[in-house]
Amino acid sequence: KKEKKTKLSTSNTKKKNLMATLTAFQKCLDDSQHSYAAHRRSMNKLLKIRSSIDEDEFIEQYCSEIDRLLLVQKREAAVERLISFFTEFLVFGTEKEKQQKSKENNENN
């Protein structure tokens, strides 16, 4: 019984952490749709979120948000800002990964 309880509490903790992470994800998007000035700050937060959860969960959430944006038929400023944010985030994340790999290679050599 104790082992089963431990598994349930671990599962509940993971679910709570995932929900908190997804809430933070949504907050980044909310901030980014209101202002271009918030993009850099939100990108840094989103990178932290990406590293804190399973990659598949992050990609699923990311794609889900993009799908919702693409369903909007009108050209609204908030949607345009979010599309810009998603694009900038992909470039930003790729550059950060390259920098990190370069740094690791330099340390190994």
N, C-alpha and C. Protein backbone atom coordinates (compact mmCIF):
# COMPACT_ATOMS: atom_id res chain seq x y z
N LYS A 1 0.83 -1.19 0.00
CA LYS A 1 0.00 0.00 0.00
C LYS A 1 0.87 1.26 0.00
N LYS A 2 1.94 1.21 0.79
CA LYS A 2 2.80 2.38 0.90
C LYS A 2 3.47 2.69 -0.44
N GLU A 3 3.89 1.62 -1.14
CA GLU A 3 4.53 1.81 -2.46
C GLU A 3 3.54 2.41 -3.45
N LYS A 4 2.30 1.94 -3.41
CA LYS A 4 1.26 2.45 -4.29
C LYS A 4 0.98 3.92 -3.99
N LYS A 5 0.95 4.26 -2.70
CA LYS A 5 0.72 5.64 -2.29
C LYS A 5 1.84 6.55 -2.79
N THR A 6 3.07 6.07 -2.70
CA THR A 6 4.22 6.84 -3.16
C THR A 6 4.13 7.09 -4.66
N LYS A 7 3.75 6.08 -5.42
CA LYS A 7 3.60 6.23 -6.87
C LYS A 7 2.51 7.25 -7.19
N LEU A 8 1.40 7.20 -6.46
CA LEU A 8 0.32 8.15 -6.69
C LEU A 8 0.74 9.57 -6.35
N SER A 9 1.46 9.74 -5.24
CA SER A 9 1.88 11.09 -4.87
C SER A 9 2.90 11.62 -5.86
N THR A 10 3.78 10.75 -6.36
CA THR A 10 4.75 11.16 -7.38
C THR A 10 4.01 11.56 -8.66
N SER A 11 3.02 10.78 -9.03
CA SER A 11 2.23 11.08 -10.22
C SER A 11 1.49 12.40 -10.07
N ASN A 12 0.91 12.63 -8.89
CA ASN A 12 0.20 13.88 -8.62
C ASN A 12 1.14 15.07 -8.66
N THR A 13 2.35 14.90 -8.11
CA THR A 13 3.34 15.97 -8.13
C THR A 13 3.73 16.30 -9.56
N LYS A 14 3.94 15.28 -10.38
CA LYS A 14 4.29 15.51 -11.79
C LYS A 14 3.17 16.24 -12.52
N LYS A 15 1.93 15.87 -12.24
CA LYS A 15 0.79 16.53 -12.88
C LYS A 15 0.71 18.00 -12.46
N LYS A 16 0.93 18.25 -11.16
CA LYS A 16 0.90 19.63 -10.67
C LYS A 16 2.02 20.45 -11.30
N ASN A 17 3.21 19.86 -11.40
CA ASN A 17 4.34 20.56 -12.02
C ASN A 17 4.06 20.85 -13.49
N LEU A 18 3.47 19.88 -14.18
CA LEU A 18 3.14 20.07 -15.59
C LEU A 18 2.10 21.17 -15.74
N MET A 19 1.10 21.18 -14.88
CA MET A 19 0.06 22.21 -14.96
C MET A 19 0.65 23.59 -14.69
N ALA A 20 1.54 23.68 -13.72
CA ALA A 20 2.19 24.96 -13.42
C ALA A 20 3.03 25.41 -14.61
N THR A 21 3.70 24.48 -15.23
CA THR A 21 4.53 24.79 -16.39
C THR A 21 3.67 25.26 -17.56
N LEU A 22 2.56 24.59 -17.79
CA LEU A 22 1.67 24.99 -18.88
C LEU A 22 1.04 26.36 -18.60
N THR A 23 0.78 26.64 -17.35
CA THR A 23 0.27 27.97 -16.98
C THR A 23 1.32 29.03 -17.28
N ALA A 24 2.58 28.73 -16.97
CA ALA A 24 3.67 29.67 -17.27
C ALA A 24 3.81 29.84 -18.79
N PHE A 25 3.63 28.75 -19.53
CA PHE A 25 3.66 28.79 -21.00
C PHE A 25 2.60 29.75 -21.50
N GLN A 26 1.39 29.61 -20.99
CA GLN A 26 0.28 30.48 -21.39
C GLN A 26 0.57 31.94 -21.04
N LYS A 27 1.18 32.17 -19.88
CA LYS A 27 1.51 33.53 -19.46
C LYS A 27 2.49 34.17 -20.44
N CYS A 28 3.47 33.40 -20.90
CA CYS A 28 4.42 33.91 -21.90
C CYS A 28 3.69 34.34 -23.17
N LEU A 29 2.75 33.53 -23.59
CA LEU A 29 2.00 33.86 -24.80
C LEU A 29 1.11 35.07 -24.59
N ASP A 30 0.48 35.15 -23.43
CA ASP A 30 -0.36 36.32 -23.13
C ASP A 30 0.46 37.59 -23.17
N ASP A 31 1.64 37.55 -22.55
CA ASP A 31 2.51 38.73 -22.55
C ASP A 31 2.95 39.09 -23.96
N SER A 32 3.24 38.09 -24.77
CA SER A 32 3.77 38.32 -26.11
C SER A 32 2.73 38.84 -27.09
N GLN A 33 1.48 38.56 -26.84
CA GLN A 33 0.46 39.03 -27.78
C GLN A 33 0.12 40.50 -27.56
N HIS A 34 0.51 41.04 -26.42
CA HIS A 34 0.19 42.43 -26.12
C HIS A 34 1.28 43.41 -26.54
N SER A 35 2.52 42.93 -26.61
CA SER A 35 3.61 43.86 -26.88
C SER A 35 4.82 43.14 -27.45
N TYR A 36 5.44 43.76 -28.45
CA TYR A 36 6.69 43.22 -28.99
C TYR A 36 7.81 43.35 -27.96
N ALA A 37 7.71 44.31 -27.08
CA ALA A 37 8.74 44.53 -26.06
C ALA A 37 8.87 43.33 -25.12
N ALA A 38 7.82 42.58 -24.96
CA ALA A 38 7.84 41.42 -24.05
C ALA A 38 8.42 40.17 -24.69
N HIS A 39 8.69 40.22 -25.98
CA HIS A 39 9.14 39.01 -26.68
C HIS A 39 10.43 38.42 -26.11
N ARG A 40 11.47 39.21 -25.95
CA ARG A 40 12.76 38.68 -25.49
C ARG A 40 12.63 38.05 -24.11
N ARG A 41 11.94 38.73 -23.22
CA ARG A 41 11.74 38.20 -21.87
C ARG A 41 10.94 36.88 -21.92
N SER A 42 9.92 36.86 -22.74
CA SER A 42 9.10 35.66 -22.86
C SER A 42 9.87 34.51 -23.51
N MET A 43 10.75 34.83 -24.45
CA MET A 43 11.56 33.79 -25.07
C MET A 43 12.47 33.12 -24.05
N ASN A 44 13.08 33.91 -23.19
CA ASN A 44 13.94 33.35 -22.15
C ASN A 44 13.14 32.46 -21.20
N LYS A 45 11.95 32.91 -20.84
CA LYS A 45 11.09 32.11 -19.96
C LYS A 45 10.68 30.81 -20.66
N LEU A 46 10.35 30.92 -21.93
CA LEU A 46 9.92 29.74 -22.68
C LEU A 46 11.07 28.73 -22.84
N LEU A 47 12.29 29.21 -22.99
CA LEU A 47 13.44 28.30 -23.03
C LEU A 47 13.60 27.55 -21.72
N LYS A 48 13.38 28.23 -20.61
CA LYS A 48 13.45 27.57 -19.30
C LYS A 48 12.35 26.52 -19.18
N ILE A 49 11.17 26.87 -19.65
CA ILE A 49 10.05 25.92 -19.61
C ILE A 49 10.39 24.70 -20.46
N ARG A 50 10.93 24.95 -21.64
CA ARG A 50 11.28 23.86 -22.55
C ARG A 50 12.27 22.90 -21.92
N SER A 51 13.20 23.43 -21.16
CA SER A 51 14.20 22.56 -20.54
C SER A 51 13.68 21.87 -19.28
N SER A 52 12.55 22.35 -18.75
CA SER A 52 12.04 21.77 -17.50
C SER A 52 11.02 20.65 -17.71
N ILE A 53 10.50 20.51 -18.92
CA ILE A 53 9.53 19.44 -19.17
C ILE A 53 10.01 18.55 -20.31
N ASP A 54 9.30 17.45 -20.46
CA ASP A 54 9.60 16.50 -21.53
C ASP A 54 9.47 17.20 -22.88
N GLU A 55 10.40 16.94 -23.77
CA GLU A 55 10.40 17.61 -25.08
C GLU A 55 9.12 17.35 -25.86
N ASP A 56 8.60 16.13 -25.79
CA ASP A 56 7.36 15.81 -26.51
C ASP A 56 6.18 16.63 -25.98
N GLU A 57 6.13 16.81 -24.65
CA GLU A 57 5.05 17.61 -24.07
C GLU A 57 5.16 19.06 -24.52
N PHE A 58 6.39 19.57 -24.58
CA PHE A 58 6.58 20.94 -25.00
C PHE A 58 6.17 21.11 -26.47
N ILE A 59 6.61 20.22 -27.31
CA ILE A 59 6.29 20.31 -28.74
C ILE A 59 4.78 20.20 -28.95
N GLU A 60 4.14 19.32 -28.20
CA GLU A 60 2.69 19.17 -28.32
C GLU A 60 1.98 20.48 -27.95
N GLN A 61 2.40 21.10 -26.86
CA GLN A 61 1.79 22.36 -26.44
C GLN A 61 2.08 23.46 -27.45
N TYR A 62 3.32 23.53 -27.92
CA TYR A 62 3.75 24.55 -28.88
C TYR A 62 2.93 24.44 -30.17
N CYS A 63 2.82 23.24 -30.69
CA CYS A 63 2.06 23.02 -31.94
C CYS A 63 0.58 23.30 -31.75
N SER A 64 0.06 22.94 -30.60
CA SER A 64 -1.35 23.21 -30.30
C SER A 64 -1.64 24.70 -30.34
N GLU A 65 -0.73 25.49 -29.78
CA GLU A 65 -0.92 26.94 -29.78
C GLU A 65 -0.82 27.51 -31.20
N ILE A 66 0.11 27.01 -31.98
CA ILE A 66 0.24 27.47 -33.37
C ILE A 66 -1.01 27.12 -34.17
N ASP A 67 -1.51 25.91 -33.97
CA ASP A 67 -2.74 25.49 -34.67
C ASP A 67 -3.89 26.45 -34.37
N ARG A 68 -4.03 26.83 -33.12
CA ARG A 68 -5.11 27.75 -32.75
C ARG A 68 -4.94 29.10 -33.43
N LEU A 69 -3.70 29.55 -33.52
CA LEU A 69 -3.45 30.85 -34.18
C LEU A 69 -3.79 30.80 -35.67
N LEU A 70 -3.46 29.70 -36.29
CA LEU A 70 -3.68 29.59 -37.73
C LEU A 70 -5.16 29.47 -38.09
N LEU A 71 -5.99 29.17 -37.11
CA LEU A 71 -7.43 29.09 -37.36
C LEU A 71 -8.09 30.46 -37.44
N VAL A 72 -7.40 31.48 -36.94
CA VAL A 72 -7.95 32.83 -36.96
C VAL A 72 -7.92 33.34 -38.40
N GLN A 73 -9.07 33.71 -38.91
CA GLN A 73 -9.18 34.14 -40.30
C GLN A 73 -8.76 35.59 -40.51
N LYS A 74 -9.01 36.43 -39.52
CA LYS A 74 -8.70 37.85 -39.65
C LYS A 74 -7.25 38.12 -39.30
N ARG A 75 -6.73 39.20 -39.84
CA ARG A 75 -5.39 39.65 -39.47
C ARG A 75 -5.53 40.57 -38.28
N GLU A 76 -5.39 40.01 -37.10
CA GLU A 76 -5.47 40.79 -35.88
C GLU A 76 -4.07 41.05 -35.36
N ALA A 77 -3.88 42.20 -34.73
CA ALA A 77 -2.56 42.59 -34.24
C ALA A 77 -2.01 41.57 -33.23
N ALA A 78 -2.85 41.09 -32.32
CA ALA A 78 -2.39 40.14 -31.32
C ALA A 78 -1.92 38.84 -31.97
N VAL A 79 -2.64 38.39 -32.98
CA VAL A 79 -2.25 37.16 -33.68
C VAL A 79 -0.94 37.38 -34.43
N GLU A 80 -0.81 38.51 -35.08
CA GLU A 80 0.43 38.83 -35.80
C GLU A 80 1.63 38.85 -34.85
N ARG A 81 1.43 39.42 -33.66
CA ARG A 81 2.52 39.48 -32.68
C ARG A 81 2.88 38.09 -32.20
N LEU A 82 1.88 37.23 -31.99
CA LEU A 82 2.18 35.87 -31.55
C LEU A 82 2.88 35.05 -32.63
N ILE A 83 2.47 35.21 -33.86
CA ILE A 83 3.15 34.50 -34.95
C ILE A 83 4.60 34.97 -35.03
N SER A 84 4.81 36.26 -34.91
CA SER A 84 6.17 36.80 -34.88
C SER A 84 6.95 36.22 -33.70
N PHE A 85 6.30 36.13 -32.54
CA PHE A 85 6.95 35.58 -31.35
C PHE A 85 7.36 34.13 -31.57
N PHE A 86 6.46 33.31 -32.09
CA PHE A 86 6.77 31.90 -32.33
C PHE A 86 7.96 31.75 -33.28
N THR A 87 8.00 32.56 -34.31
CA THR A 87 9.10 32.51 -35.27
C THR A 87 10.40 32.94 -34.61
N GLU A 88 10.36 34.04 -33.88
CA GLU A 88 11.55 34.52 -33.19
C GLU A 88 12.04 33.50 -32.16
N PHE A 89 11.10 32.84 -31.49
CA PHE A 89 11.49 31.85 -30.48
C PHE A 89 12.24 30.68 -31.11
N LEU A 90 11.78 30.22 -32.26
CA LEU A 90 12.47 29.11 -32.93
C LEU A 90 13.91 29.49 -33.29
N VAL A 91 14.09 30.69 -33.82
CA VAL A 91 15.42 31.17 -34.17
C VAL A 91 16.26 31.36 -32.91
N PHE A 92 15.68 31.98 -31.90
CA PHE A 92 16.37 32.23 -30.64
C PHE A 92 16.82 30.93 -29.98
N GLY A 93 15.91 29.95 -29.92
CA GLY A 93 16.23 28.66 -29.32
C GLY A 93 17.33 27.94 -30.06
N THR A 94 17.30 28.00 -31.39
CA THR A 94 18.33 27.36 -32.20
C THR A 94 19.68 28.00 -31.96
N GLU A 95 19.71 29.33 -31.89
CA GLU A 95 20.97 30.04 -31.63
C GLU A 95 21.52 29.70 -30.25
N LYS A 96 20.64 29.63 -29.25
CA LYS A 96 21.07 29.28 -27.89
C LYS A 96 21.66 27.88 -27.84
N GLU A 97 21.02 26.94 -28.54
CA GLU A 97 21.52 25.57 -28.58
C GLU A 97 22.89 25.50 -29.24
N LYS A 98 23.07 26.24 -30.34
CA LYS A 98 24.37 26.28 -31.02
C LYS A 98 25.45 26.84 -30.10
N GLN A 99 25.11 27.92 -29.39
CA GLN A 99 26.06 28.52 -28.46
C GLN A 99 26.44 27.55 -27.35
N GLN A 100 25.44 26.83 -26.84
CA GLN A 100 25.70 25.89 -25.76
C GLN A 100 26.57 24.73 -26.25
N LYS A 101 26.28 24.21 -27.44
CA LYS A 101 27.09 23.12 -27.98
C LYS A 101 28.51 23.57 -28.27
N SER A 102 28.65 24.78 -28.78
CA SER A 102 29.98 25.34 -29.04
C SER A 102 30.76 25.48 -27.75
N LYS A 103 30.09 25.95 -26.72
CA LYS A 103 30.73 26.12 -25.41
C LYS A 103 31.17 24.77 -24.84
N GLU A 104 30.31 23.76 -24.97
CA GLU A 104 30.64 22.43 -24.49
C GLU A 104 31.82 21.83 -25.27
N ASN A 105 31.85 22.06 -26.58
CA ASN A 105 32.96 21.55 -27.40
C ASN A 105 34.27 22.22 -27.01
N ASN A 106 34.21 23.53 -26.75
CA ASN A 106 35.42 24.25 -26.33
C ASN A 106 35.93 23.76 -24.98
N GLU A 107 35.01 23.45 -24.07
CA GLU A 107 35.39 22.94 -22.76
C GLU A 107 35.99 21.54 -22.86
N ASN A 108 35.51 20.74 -23.78
CA ASN A 108 36.01 19.38 -23.96
C ASN A 108 37.37 19.35 -24.64
N ASN A 109 37.68 20.36 -25.40
CA ASN A 109 38.96 20.37 -26.13
C ASN A 109 40.01 21.06 -25.36
